[in-house]
PDB file of N, CA and C in Angstrom:
ATOM      1  N   MET A   1       0.840  -1.175   0.000  1.00  0.00           N
ATOM      2  CA  MET A   1       0.000   0.000   0.000  1.00  0.00           C
ATOM      3  C   MET A   1       0.889   1.243   0.000  1.00  0.00           C
ATOM      4  N   ALA A   2       0.615   2.133  -0.907  1.00  0.00           N
ATOM      5  CA  ALA A   2       1.341   3.397  -0.968  1.00  0.00           C
ATOM      6  C   ALA A   2       0.907   4.269   0.204  1.00  0.00           C
ATOM      7  N   THR A   3       1.833   5.077   0.698  1.00  0.00           N
ATOM      8  CA  THR A   3       1.539   5.946   1.836  1.00  0.00           C
ATOM      9  C   THR A   3       2.081   7.345   1.581  1.00  0.00           C
ATOM     10  N   VAL A   4       1.290   8.327   1.951  1.00  0.00           N
ATOM     11  CA  VAL A   4       1.693   9.730   1.924  1.00  0.00           C
ATOM     12  C   VAL A   4       1.484  10.268   3.329  1.00  0.00           C
ATOM     13  N   THR A   5       2.421  11.085   3.784  1.00  0.00           N
ATOM     14  CA  THR A   5       2.314  11.679   5.113  1.00  0.00           C
ATOM     15  C   THR A   5       2.205  13.189   4.994  1.00  0.00           C
ATOM     16  N   LEU A   6       1.228  13.737   5.688  1.00  0.00           N
ATOM     17  CA  LEU A   6       1.083  15.188   5.800  1.00  0.00           C
ATOM     18  C   LEU A   6       1.252  15.555   7.266  1.00  0.00           C
ATOM     19  N   ASP A   7       2.007  16.605   7.531  1.00  0.00           N
ATOM     20  CA  ASP A   7       2.222  17.065   8.899  1.00  0.00           C
ATOM     21  C   ASP A   7       1.209  18.152   9.220  1.00  0.00           C
ATOM     22  N   GLY A   8       0.199  17.792   9.986  1.00  0.00           N
ATOM     23  CA  GLY A   8      -0.855  18.734  10.331  1.00  0.00           C
ATOM     24  C   GLY A   8      -0.352  19.962  11.073  1.00  0.00           C
ATOM     25  N   ALA A   9       0.726  19.809  11.830  1.00  0.00           N
ATOM     26  CA  ALA A   9       1.276  20.944  12.571  1.00  0.00           C
ATOM     27  C   ALA A   9       1.865  21.995  11.631  1.00  0.00           C
ATOM     28  N   ALA A  10       2.219  21.593  10.418  1.00  0.00           N
ATOM     29  CA  ALA A  10       2.805  22.528   9.453  1.00  0.00           C
ATOM     30  C   ALA A  10       1.752  23.230   8.600  1.00  0.00           C
ATOM     31  N   ILE A  11       0.503  22.839   8.742  1.00  0.00           N
ATOM     32  CA  ILE A  11      -0.555  23.425   7.926  1.00  0.00           C
ATOM     33  C   ILE A  11      -1.131  24.624   8.677  1.00  0.00           C
ATOM     34  N   THR A  12      -0.689  25.792   8.242  1.00  0.00           N
ATOM     35  CA  THR A  12      -1.074  27.046   8.885  1.00  0.00           C
ATOM     36  C   THR A  12      -2.158  27.790   8.114  1.00  0.00           C
ATOM     37  N   GLY A  13      -2.538  27.241   6.983  1.00  0.00           N
ATOM     38  CA  GLY A  13      -3.553  27.860   6.142  1.00  0.00           C
ATOM     39  C   GLY A  13      -3.615  27.128   4.816  1.00  0.00           C
ATOM     40  N   TRP A  14      -4.451  27.627   3.916  1.00  0.00           N
ATOM     41  CA  TRP A  14      -4.628  26.960   2.621  1.00  0.00           C
ATOM     42  C   TRP A  14      -3.349  26.935   1.800  1.00  0.00           C
ATOM     43  N   THR A  15      -2.584  28.008   1.825  1.00  0.00           N
ATOM     44  CA  THR A  15      -1.345  28.050   1.040  1.00  0.00           C
ATOM     45  C   THR A  15      -0.394  26.949   1.486  1.00  0.00           C
ATOM     46  N   ALA A  16      -0.228  26.795   2.783  1.00  0.00           N
ATOM     47  CA  ALA A  16       0.652  25.752   3.311  1.00  0.00           C
ATOM     48  C   ALA A  16       0.104  24.365   2.977  1.00  0.00           C
ATOM     49  N   PHE A  17      -1.214  24.190   3.099  1.00  0.00           N
ATOM     50  CA  PHE A  17      -1.811  22.894   2.775  1.00  0.00           C
ATOM     51  C   PHE A  17      -1.528  22.504   1.332  1.00  0.00           C
ATOM     52  N   HIS A  18      -1.736  23.419   0.412  1.00  0.00           N
ATOM     53  CA  HIS A  18      -1.534  23.084  -0.998  1.00  0.00           C
ATOM     54  C   HIS A  18      -0.061  22.864  -1.320  1.00  0.00           C
ATOM     55  N   ALA A  19       0.825  23.637  -0.712  1.00  0.00           N
ATOM     56  CA  ALA A  19       2.262  23.430  -0.941  1.00  0.00           C
ATOM     57  C   ALA A  19       2.700  22.061  -0.427  1.00  0.00           C
ATOM     58  N   LEU A  20       2.242  21.694   0.775  1.00  0.00           N
ATOM     59  CA  LEU A  20       2.590  20.386   1.330  1.00  0.00           C
ATOM     60  C   LEU A  20       1.976  19.259   0.504  1.00  0.00           C
ATOM     61  N   SER A  21       0.745  19.443   0.062  1.00  0.00           N
ATOM     62  CA  SER A  21       0.086  18.421  -0.749  1.00  0.00           C
ATOM     63  C   SER A  21       0.800  18.231  -2.076  1.00  0.00           C
ATOM     64  N   LYS A  22       1.153  19.336  -2.716  1.00  0.00           N
ATOM     65  CA  LYS A  22       1.848  19.245  -4.009  1.00  0.00           C
ATOM     66  C   LYS A  22       3.137  18.446  -3.875  1.00  0.00           C
ATOM     67  N   ALA A  23       3.892  18.703  -2.821  1.00  0.00           N
ATOM     68  CA  ALA A  23       5.143  17.986  -2.607  1.00  0.00           C
ATOM     69  C   ALA A  23       4.894  16.525  -2.235  1.00  0.00           C
ATOM     70  N   ALA A  24       3.950  16.282  -1.338  1.00  0.00           N
ATOM     71  CA  ALA A  24       3.716  14.922  -0.833  1.00  0.00           C
ATOM     72  C   ALA A  24       3.140  13.993  -1.899  1.00  0.00           C
ATOM     73  N   PHE A  25       2.198  14.494  -2.681  1.00  0.00           N
ATOM     74  CA  PHE A  25       1.541  13.659  -3.686  1.00  0.00           C
ATOM     75  C   PHE A  25       2.234  13.724  -5.042  1.00  0.00           C
ATOM     76  N   GLY A  26       3.120  14.678  -5.211  1.00  0.00           N
ATOM     77  CA  GLY A  26       3.790  14.831  -6.494  1.00  0.00           C
ATOM     78  C   GLY A  26       2.869  15.376  -7.567  1.00  0.00           C
ATOM     79  N   PHE A  27       2.081  16.376  -7.201  1.00  0.00           N
ATOM     80  CA  PHE A  27       1.186  17.000  -8.177  1.00  0.00           C
ATOM     81  C   PHE A  27       2.016  17.729  -9.234  1.00  0.00           C
ATOM     82  N   PRO A  28       1.465  17.893 -10.423  1.00  0.00           N
ATOM     83  CA  PRO A  28       2.220  18.534 -11.514  1.00  0.00           C
ATOM     84  C   PRO A  28       2.428  20.027 -11.273  1.00  0.00           C
ATOM     85  N   ASP A  29       3.336  20.605 -12.042  1.00  0.00           N
ATOM     86  CA  ASP A  29       3.649  22.024 -11.908  1.00  0.00           C
ATOM     87  C   ASP A  29       2.432  22.910 -12.135  1.00  0.00           C
ATOM     88  N   PHE A  30       1.500  22.450 -12.962  1.00  0.00           N
ATOM     89  CA  PHE A  30       0.322  23.262 -13.264  1.00  0.00           C
ATOM     90  C   PHE A  30      -0.793  23.104 -12.228  1.00  0.00           C
ATOM     91  N   TYR A  31      -0.509  22.390 -11.122  1.00  0.00           N
ATOM     92  CA  TYR A  31      -1.495  22.223 -10.050  1.00  0.00           C
ATOM     93  C   TYR A  31      -2.032  23.592  -9.637  1.00  0.00           C
ATOM     94  N   GLY A  32      -3.357  23.714  -9.542  1.00  0.00           N
ATOM     95  CA  GLY A  32      -4.001  25.005  -9.348  1.00  0.00           C
ATOM     96  C   GLY A  32      -4.129  25.521  -7.930  1.00  0.00           C
ATOM     97  N   ASN A  33      -3.666  24.760  -6.924  1.00  0.00           N
ATOM     98  CA  ASN A  33      -3.734  25.214  -5.536  1.00  0.00           C
ATOM     99  C   ASN A  33      -5.156  25.531  -5.081  1.00  0.00           C
ATOM    100  N   THR A  34      -6.102  24.715  -5.520  1.00  0.00           N
ATOM    101  CA  THR A  34      -7.495  24.825  -5.084  1.00  0.00           C
ATOM    102  C   THR A  34      -7.957  23.413  -4.708  1.00  0.00           C
ATOM    103  N   MET A  35      -9.054  23.331  -3.988  1.00  0.00           N
ATOM    104  CA  MET A  35      -9.572  22.003  -3.646  1.00  0.00           C
ATOM    105  C   MET A  35     -10.134  21.296  -4.872  1.00  0.00           C
ATOM    106  N   ASP A  36     -10.633  22.028  -5.840  1.00  0.00           N
ATOM    107  CA  ASP A  36     -11.071  21.384  -7.083  1.00  0.00           C
ATOM    108  C   ASP A  36      -9.889  20.706  -7.772  1.00  0.00           C
ATOM    109  N   ALA A  37      -8.751  21.393  -7.824  1.00  0.00           N
ATOM    110  CA  ALA A  37      -7.555  20.804  -8.428  1.00  0.00           C
ATOM    111  C   ALA A  37      -7.058  19.622  -7.600  1.00  0.00           C
ATOM    112  N   TRP A  38      -7.106  19.733  -6.294  1.00  0.00           N
ATOM    113  CA  TRP A  38      -6.683  18.652  -5.394  1.00  0.00           C
ATOM    114  C   TRP A  38      -7.517  17.402  -5.648  1.00  0.00           C
ATOM    115  N   ILE A  39      -8.837  17.594  -5.718  1.00  0.00           N
ATOM    116  CA  ILE A  39      -9.750  16.484  -5.991  1.00  0.00           C
ATOM    117  C   ILE A  39      -9.447  15.875  -7.353  1.00  0.00           C
ATOM    118  N   ASP A  40      -9.261  16.714  -8.357  1.00  0.00           N
ATOM    119  CA  ASP A  40      -8.972  16.201  -9.699  1.00  0.00           C
ATOM    120  C   ASP A  40      -7.693  15.373  -9.722  1.00  0.00           C
ATOM    121  N   CYS A  41      -6.642  15.875  -9.102  1.00  0.00           N
ATOM    122  CA  CYS A  41      -5.371  15.138  -9.095  1.00  0.00           C
ATOM    123  C   CYS A  41      -5.514  13.780  -8.410  1.00  0.00           C
ATOM    124  N   LEU A  42      -6.239  13.732  -7.297  1.00  0.00           N
ATOM    125  CA  LEU A  42      -6.381  12.473  -6.562  1.00  0.00           C
ATOM    126  C   LEU A  42      -7.417  11.539  -7.181  1.00  0.00           C
ATOM    127  N   SER A  43      -8.165  12.027  -8.141  1.00  0.00           N
ATOM    128  CA  SER A  43      -9.170  11.191  -8.803  1.00  0.00           C
ATOM    129  C   SER A  43      -8.587  10.346  -9.935  1.00  0.00           C
ATOM    130  N   TYR A  44      -7.317  10.546 -10.239  1.00  0.00           N
ATOM    131  CA  TYR A  44      -6.698   9.828 -11.365  1.00  0.00           C
ATOM    132  C   TYR A  44      -5.460   9.052 -10.941  1.00  0.00           C
ATOM    133  N   LEU A  45      -5.444   8.582  -9.698  1.00  0.00           N
ATOM    134  CA  LEU A  45      -4.271   7.858  -9.196  1.00  0.00           C
ATOM    135  C   LEU A  45      -4.087   6.493  -9.854  1.00  0.00           C
ATOM    136  N   ARG A  46      -5.130   5.971 -10.456  1.00  0.00           N
ATOM    137  CA  ARG A  46      -5.030   4.672 -11.127  1.00  0.00           C
ATOM    138  C   ARG A  46      -4.867   4.822 -12.634  1.00  0.00           C
ATOM    139  N   ASP A  47      -4.727   6.029 -13.094  1.00  0.00           N
ATOM    140  CA  ASP A  47      -4.528   6.313 -14.512  1.00  0.00           C
ATOM    141  C   ASP A  47      -3.097   6.793 -14.725  1.00  0.00           C
ATOM    142  N   ASP A  48      -2.628   6.627 -15.924  1.00  0.00           N
ATOM    143  CA  ASP A  48      -1.268   7.056 -16.250  1.00  0.00           C
ATOM    144  C   ASP A  48      -1.326   8.398 -16.976  1.00  0.00           C
ATOM    145  N   ASP A  49      -1.748   9.429 -16.245  1.00  0.00           N
ATOM    146  CA  ASP A  49      -1.901  10.731 -16.882  1.00  0.00           C
ATOM    147  C   ASP A  49      -1.050  11.826 -16.253  1.00  0.00           C
ATOM    148  N   GLY A  50      -0.215  11.482 -15.278  1.00  0.00           N
ATOM    149  CA  GLY A  50       0.711  12.442 -14.698  1.00  0.00           C
ATOM    150  C   GLY A  50       0.106  13.447 -13.738  1.00  0.00           C
ATOM    151  N   MET A  51      -1.057  13.151 -13.178  1.00  0.00           N
ATOM    152  CA  MET A  51      -1.675  14.089 -12.241  1.00  0.00           C
ATOM    153  C   MET A  51      -1.071  13.993 -10.834  1.00  0.00           C
ATOM    154  N   ALA A  52      -0.299  12.951 -10.585  1.00  0.00           N
ATOM    155  CA  ALA A  52       0.401  12.773  -9.310  1.00  0.00           C
ATOM    156  C   ALA A  52       1.576  11.835  -9.566  1.00  0.00           C
ATOM    157  N   ALA A  53       2.550  11.888  -8.684  1.00  0.00           N
ATOM    158  CA  ALA A  53       3.695  10.991  -8.804  1.00  0.00           C
ATOM    159  C   ALA A  53       3.324   9.569  -8.400  1.00  0.00           C
ATOM    160  N   ILE A  54       2.214   9.424  -7.716  1.00  0.00           N
ATOM    161  CA  ILE A  54       1.764   8.123  -7.230  1.00  0.00           C
ATOM    162  C   ILE A  54       0.880   7.472  -8.285  1.00  0.00           C
ATOM    163  N   ARG A  55       1.146   6.212  -8.540  1.00  0.00           N
ATOM    164  CA  ARG A  55       0.325   5.435  -9.483  1.00  0.00           C
ATOM    165  C   ARG A  55      -0.125   4.187  -8.768  1.00  0.00           C
ATOM    166  N   LEU A  56      -1.431   4.070  -8.538  1.00  0.00           N
ATOM    167  CA  LEU A  56      -1.988   2.920  -7.837  1.00  0.00           C
ATOM    168  C   LEU A  56      -2.380   1.824  -8.813  1.00  0.00           C
ATOM    169  N   LYS A  57      -2.244   0.595  -8.367  1.00  0.00           N
ATOM    170  CA  LYS A  57      -2.742  -0.543  -9.124  1.00  0.00           C
ATOM    171  C   LYS A  57      -4.256  -0.630  -8.916  1.00  0.00           C
ATOM    172  N   PRO A  58      -4.946  -1.387  -9.757  1.00  0.00           N
ATOM    173  CA  PRO A  58      -6.384  -1.559  -9.545  1.00  0.00           C
ATOM    174  C   PRO A  58      -6.661  -2.051  -8.119  1.00  0.00           C
ATOM    175  N   ASP A  59      -7.594  -1.447  -7.472  1.00  0.00           N
ATOM    176  CA  ASP A  59      -8.027  -1.796  -6.114  1.00  0.00           C
ATOM    177  C   ASP A  59      -7.024  -1.456  -5.021  1.00  0.00           C
ATOM    178  N   GLU A  60      -5.859  -0.908  -5.351  1.00  0.00           N
ATOM    179  CA  GLU A  60      -4.883  -0.521  -4.328  1.00  0.00           C
ATOM    180  C   GLU A  60      -5.342   0.763  -3.643  1.00  0.00           C
ATOM    181  N   LEU A  61      -5.026   0.876  -2.369  1.00  0.00           N
ATOM    182  CA  LEU A  61      -5.340   2.067  -1.573  1.00  0.00           C
ATOM    183  C   LEU A  61      -4.105   2.942  -1.391  1.00  0.00           C
ATOM    184  N   LEU A  62      -4.333   4.231  -1.357  1.00  0.00           N
ATOM    185  CA  LEU A  62      -3.314   5.175  -0.930  1.00  0.00           C
ATOM    186  C   LEU A  62      -3.657   5.566   0.496  1.00  0.00           C
ATOM    187  N   GLN A  63      -2.763   5.270   1.400  1.00  0.00           N
ATOM    188  CA  GLN A  63      -2.958   5.633   2.805  1.00  0.00           C
ATOM    189  C   GLN A  63      -2.395   7.030   3.026  1.00  0.00           C
ATOM    190  N   ILE A  64      -3.224   7.908   3.549  1.00  0.00           N
ATOM    191  CA  ILE A  64      -2.797   9.264   3.863  1.00  0.00           C
ATOM    192  C   ILE A  64      -2.701   9.367   5.379  1.00  0.00           C
ATOM    193  N   ASP A  65      -1.476   9.432   5.874  1.00  0.00           N
ATOM    194  CA  ASP A  65      -1.239   9.585   7.309  1.00  0.00           C
ATOM    195  C   ASP A  65      -1.131  11.071   7.620  1.00  0.00           C
ATOM    196  N   ILE A  66      -2.010  11.551   8.454  1.00  0.00           N
ATOM    197  CA  ILE A  66      -1.971  12.947   8.871  1.00  0.00           C
ATOM    198  C   ILE A  66      -1.433  12.989  10.290  1.00  0.00           C
ATOM    199  N   LEU A  67      -0.178  13.408  10.395  1.00  0.00           N
ATOM    200  CA  LEU A  67       0.464  13.535  11.703  1.00  0.00           C
ATOM    201  C   LEU A  67      -0.009  14.818  12.378  1.00  0.00           C
ATOM    202  N   HIS A  68      -0.013  14.817  13.686  1.00  0.00           N
ATOM    203  CA  HIS A  68      -0.414  15.988  14.472  1.00  0.00           C
ATOM    204  C   HIS A  68      -1.794  16.500  14.061  1.00  0.00           C
ATOM    205  N   ALA A  69      -2.698  15.558  13.832  1.00  0.00           N
ATOM    206  CA  ALA A  69      -4.056  15.927  13.421  1.00  0.00           C
ATOM    207  C   ALA A  69      -4.744  16.796  14.471  1.00  0.00           C
ATOM    208  N   ASP A  70      -4.465  16.561  15.739  1.00  0.00           N
ATOM    209  CA  ASP A  70      -5.071  17.380  16.795  1.00  0.00           C
ATOM    210  C   ASP A  70      -4.614  18.831  16.711  1.00  0.00           C
ATOM    211  N   ALA A  71      -3.333  19.013  16.423  1.00  0.00           N
ATOM    212  CA  ALA A  71      -2.813  20.378  16.279  1.00  0.00           C
ATOM    213  C   ALA A  71      -3.438  21.060  15.071  1.00  0.00           C
ATOM    214  N   TRP A  72      -3.604  20.322  13.989  1.00  0.00           N
ATOM    215  CA  TRP A  72      -4.225  20.880  12.792  1.00  0.00           C
ATOM    216  C   TRP A  72      -5.679  21.253  13.085  1.00  0.00           C
ATOM    217  N   ARG A  73      -6.393  20.347  13.754  1.00  0.00           N
ATOM    218  CA  ARG A  73      -7.799  20.618  14.075  1.00  0.00           C
ATOM    219  C   ARG A  73      -7.913  21.852  14.981  1.00  0.00           C
ATOM    220  N   ALA A  74      -6.994  22.001  15.926  1.00  0.00           N
ATOM    221  CA  ALA A  74      -7.043  23.153  16.828  1.00  0.00           C
ATOM    222  C   ALA A  74      -6.750  24.462  16.089  1.00  0.00           C
ATOM    223  N   ALA A  75      -5.808  24.418  15.154  1.00  0.00           N
ATOM    224  CA  ALA A  75      -5.390  25.641  14.465  1.00  0.00           C
ATOM    225  C   ALA A  75      -6.248  25.971  13.245  1.00  0.00           C
ATOM    226  N   GLN A  76      -6.646  24.949  12.503  1.00  0.00           N
ATOM    227  CA  GLN A  76      -7.353  25.156  11.235  1.00  0.00           C
ATOM    228  C   GLN A  76      -8.476  24.129  11.071  1.00  0.00           C
ATOM    229  N   PRO A  77      -9.478  24.120  11.940  1.00  0.00           N
ATOM    230  CA  PRO A  77     -10.505  23.074  11.877  1.00  0.00           C
ATOM    231  C   PRO A  77     -11.286  23.056  10.569  1.00  0.00           C
ATOM    232  N   ASP A  78     -11.533  24.215   9.999  1.00  0.00           N
ATOM    233  CA  ASP A  78     -12.298  24.254   8.752  1.00  0.00           C
ATOM    234  C   ASP A  78     -11.540  23.586   7.607  1.00  0.00           C
ATOM    235  N   ILE A  79     -10.234  23.779   7.574  1.00  0.00           N
ATOM    236  CA  ILE A  79      -9.434  23.174   6.504  1.00  0.00           C
ATOM    237  C   ILE A  79      -9.421  21.660   6.653  1.00  0.00           C
ATOM    238  N   LEU A  80      -9.173  21.167   7.861  1.00  0.00           N
ATOM    239  CA  LEU A  80      -9.151  19.717   8.059  1.00  0.00           C
ATOM    240  C   LEU A  80     -10.512  19.107   7.712  1.00  0.00           C
ATOM    241  N   ASP A  81     -11.579  19.727   8.144  1.00  0.00           N
ATOM    242  CA  ASP A  81     -12.914  19.213   7.826  1.00  0.00           C
ATOM    243  C   ASP A  81     -13.145  19.176   6.320  1.00  0.00           C
ATOM    244  N   GLU A  82     -12.719  20.216   5.625  1.00  0.00           N
ATOM    245  CA  GLU A  82     -12.881  20.263   4.165  1.00  0.00           C
ATOM    246  C   GLU A  82     -12.058  19.174   3.476  1.00  0.00           C
ATOM    247  N   VAL A  83     -10.845  18.956   3.953  1.00  0.00           N
ATOM    248  CA  VAL A  83      -9.985  17.910   3.374  1.00  0.00           C
ATOM    249  C   VAL A  83     -10.630  16.540   3.573  1.00  0.00           C
ATOM    250  N   LEU A  84     -11.120  16.264   4.760  1.00  0.00           N
ATOM    251  CA  LEU A  84     -11.760  14.968   5.020  1.00  0.00           C
ATOM    252  C   LEU A  84     -13.018  14.800   4.173  1.00  0.00           C
ATOM    253  N   TYR A  85     -13.774  15.867   4.017  1.00  0.00           N
ATOM    254  CA  TYR A  85     -14.964  15.848   3.166  1.00  0.00           C
ATOM    255  C   TYR A  85     -14.572  15.555   1.710  1.00  0.00           C
ATOM    256  N   CYS A  86     -13.511  16.188   1.242  1.00  0.00           N
ATOM    257  CA  CYS A  86     -13.069  15.994  -0.139  1.00  0.00           C
ATOM    258  C   CYS A  86     -12.503  14.592  -0.368  1.00  0.00           C
ATOM    259  N   ILE A  87     -11.849  14.025   0.636  1.00  0.00           N
ATOM    260  CA  ILE A  87     -11.377  12.648   0.515  1.00  0.00           C
ATOM    261  C   ILE A  87     -12.553  11.704   0.315  1.00  0.00           C
ATOM    262  N   ALA A  88     -13.611  11.914   1.087  1.00  0.00           N
ATOM    263  CA  ALA A  88     -14.817  11.100   0.910  1.00  0.00           C
ATOM    264  C   ALA A  88     -15.380  11.293  -0.494  1.00  0.00           C
ATOM    265  N   GLY A  89     -15.354  12.525  -0.989  1.00  0.00           N
ATOM    266  CA  GLY A  89     -15.836  12.807  -2.333  1.00  0.00           C
ATOM    267  C   GLY A  89     -15.006  12.143  -3.412  1.00  0.00           C
ATOM    268  N   VAL A  90     -13.690  12.112  -3.228  1.00  0.00           N
ATOM    269  CA  VAL A  90     -12.817  11.427  -4.185  1.00  0.00           C
ATOM    270  C   VAL A  90     -13.152   9.942  -4.214  1.00  0.00           C
ATOM    271  N   ASN A  91     -13.323   9.357  -3.038  1.00  0.00           N
ATOM    272  CA  ASN A  91     -13.668   7.934  -2.987  1.00  0.00           C
ATOM    273  C   ASN A  91     -15.019   7.663  -3.657  1.00  0.00           C
ATOM    274  N   GLU A  92     -15.976   8.562  -3.476  1.00  0.00           N
ATOM    275  CA  GLU A  92     -17.265   8.420  -4.153  1.00  0.00           C
ATOM    276  C   GLU A  92     -17.092   8.484  -5.664  1.00  0.00           C
ATOM    277  N   ARG A  93     -16.195   9.337  -6.117  1.00  0.00           N
ATOM    278  CA  ARG A  93     -15.931   9.457  -7.554  1.00  0.00           C
ATOM    279  C   ARG A  93     -15.400   8.130  -8.103  1.00  0.00           C
ATOM    280  N   TYR A  94     -14.476   7.511  -7.367  1.00  0.00           N
ATOM    281  CA  TYR A  94     -13.966   6.202  -7.798  1.00  0.00           C
ATOM    282  C   TYR A  94     -15.108   5.193  -7.873  1.00  0.00           C
ATOM    283  N   GLU A  95     -15.964   5.189  -6.863  1.00  0.00           N
ATOM    284  CA  GLU A  95     -17.092   4.251  -6.849  1.00  0.00           C
ATOM    285  C   GLU A  95     -18.045   4.515  -8.005  1.00  0.00           C
ATOM    286  N   ASP A  96     -18.246   5.785  -8.354  1.00  0.00           N
ATOM    287  CA  ASP A  96     -19.102   6.132  -9.491  1.00  0.00           C
ATOM    288  C   ASP A  96     -18.563   5.545 -10.793  1.00  0.00           C
ATOM    289  N   TYR A  97     -17.247   5.372 -10.865  1.00  0.00           N
ATOM    290  CA  TYR A  97     -16.619   4.784 -12.051  1.00  0.00           C
ATOM    291  C   TYR A  97     -16.492   3.268 -11.949  1.00  0.00           C
ATOM    292  N   GLY A  98     -17.145   2.687 -10.922  1.00  0.00           N
ATOM    293  CA  GLY A  98     -17.140   1.241 -10.771  1.00  0.00           C
ATOM    294  C   GLY A  98     -15.874   0.681 -10.145  1.00  0.00           C
ATOM    295  N   GLU A  99     -15.096   1.552  -9.502  1.00  0.00           N
ATOM    296  CA  GLU A  99     -13.862   1.123  -8.854  1.00  0.00           C
ATOM    297  C   GLU A  99     -14.015   1.176  -7.336  1.00  0.00           C
ATOM    298  N   LYS A 100     -13.094   0.507  -6.665  1.00  0.00           N
ATOM    299  CA  LYS A 100     -13.073   0.589  -5.208  1.00  0.00           C
ATOM    300  C   LYS A 100     -12.473   1.928  -4.794  1.00  0.00           C
ATOM    301  N   PRO A 101     -12.819   2.407  -3.588  1.00  0.00           N
ATOM    302  CA  PRO A 101     -12.209   3.656  -3.098  1.00  0.00           C
ATOM    303  C   PRO A 101     -10.689   3.570  -3.145  1.00  0.00           C
ATOM    304  N   ALA A 102     -10.047   4.722  -3.326  1.00  0.00           N
ATOM    305  CA  ALA A 102      -8.596   4.756  -3.476  1.00  0.00           C
ATOM    306  C   ALA A 102      -7.877   5.359  -2.266  1.00  0.00           C
ATOM    307  N   LEU A 103      -8.597   6.063  -1.408  1.00  0.00           N
ATOM    308  CA  LEU A 103      -7.945   6.801  -0.319  1.00  0.00           C
ATOM    309  C   LEU A 103      -8.391   6.312   1.047  1.00  0.00           C
ATOM    310  N   LYS A 104      -7.420   6.172   1.930  1.00  0.00           N
ATOM    311  CA  LYS A 104      -7.688   5.822   3.332  1.00  0.00           C
ATOM    312  C   LYS A 104      -6.931   6.825   4.178  1.00  0.00           C
ATOM    313  N   VAL A 105      -7.589   7.380   5.199  1.00  0.00           N
ATOM    314  CA  VAL A 105      -6.961   8.408   6.034  1.00  0.00           C
ATOM    315  C   VAL A 105      -6.746   7.868   7.436  1.00  0.00           C
ATOM    316  N   ASN A 106      -5.574   8.176   7.977  1.00  0.00           N
ATOM    317  CA  ASN A 106      -5.271   7.884   9.376  1.00  0.00           C
ATOM    318  C   ASN A 106      -4.916   9.196  10.054  1.00  0.00           C
ATOM    319  N   LEU A 107      -5.712   9.582  11.016  1.00  0.00           N
ATOM    320  CA  LEU A 107      -5.411  10.772  11.810  1.00  0.00           C
ATOM    321  C   LEU A 107      -4.560  10.346  12.992  1.00  0.00           C
ATOM    322  N   ARG A 108      -3.404  10.931  13.120  1.00  0.00           N
ATOM    323  CA  ARG A 108      -2.484  10.529  14.191  1.00  0.00           C
ATOM    324  C   ARG A 108      -2.136  11.692  15.072  1.00  0.00           C
TER     325      ARG A 108
END
C-alpha cells in the first residue's frame, strides 16, 4: 500500500496545505492550488496521466497519514474538515466509475 504523510502541525492555512500536498503527492507544476484541483489530481491515481507521482494498481489504496491531526484541528478546523470531506468525495468518484475507493486516512 502506498503511503503519503502530511504534517498537520505545518498546515497554517490553505497556502501551506496546498504546498505540502503538491510535494507529498507529487502534483504537476500546473497544479491550481485549489480544492477542485486537489480532488482532480487524486481522482486519477489509477490512470497514467501524470496528475500525481503516485500510481496505484487496480483496487490498491493510498494511505494518507496525517500527523499531528489534533494540532491541525485546533489551528485550522475548517481546513481539516474540508480535506476529510473531499477525501470522501474522491472515494465516491472512484465508486461512481465502478472502482473501489482509493484513499484511506489515518489521523495521528
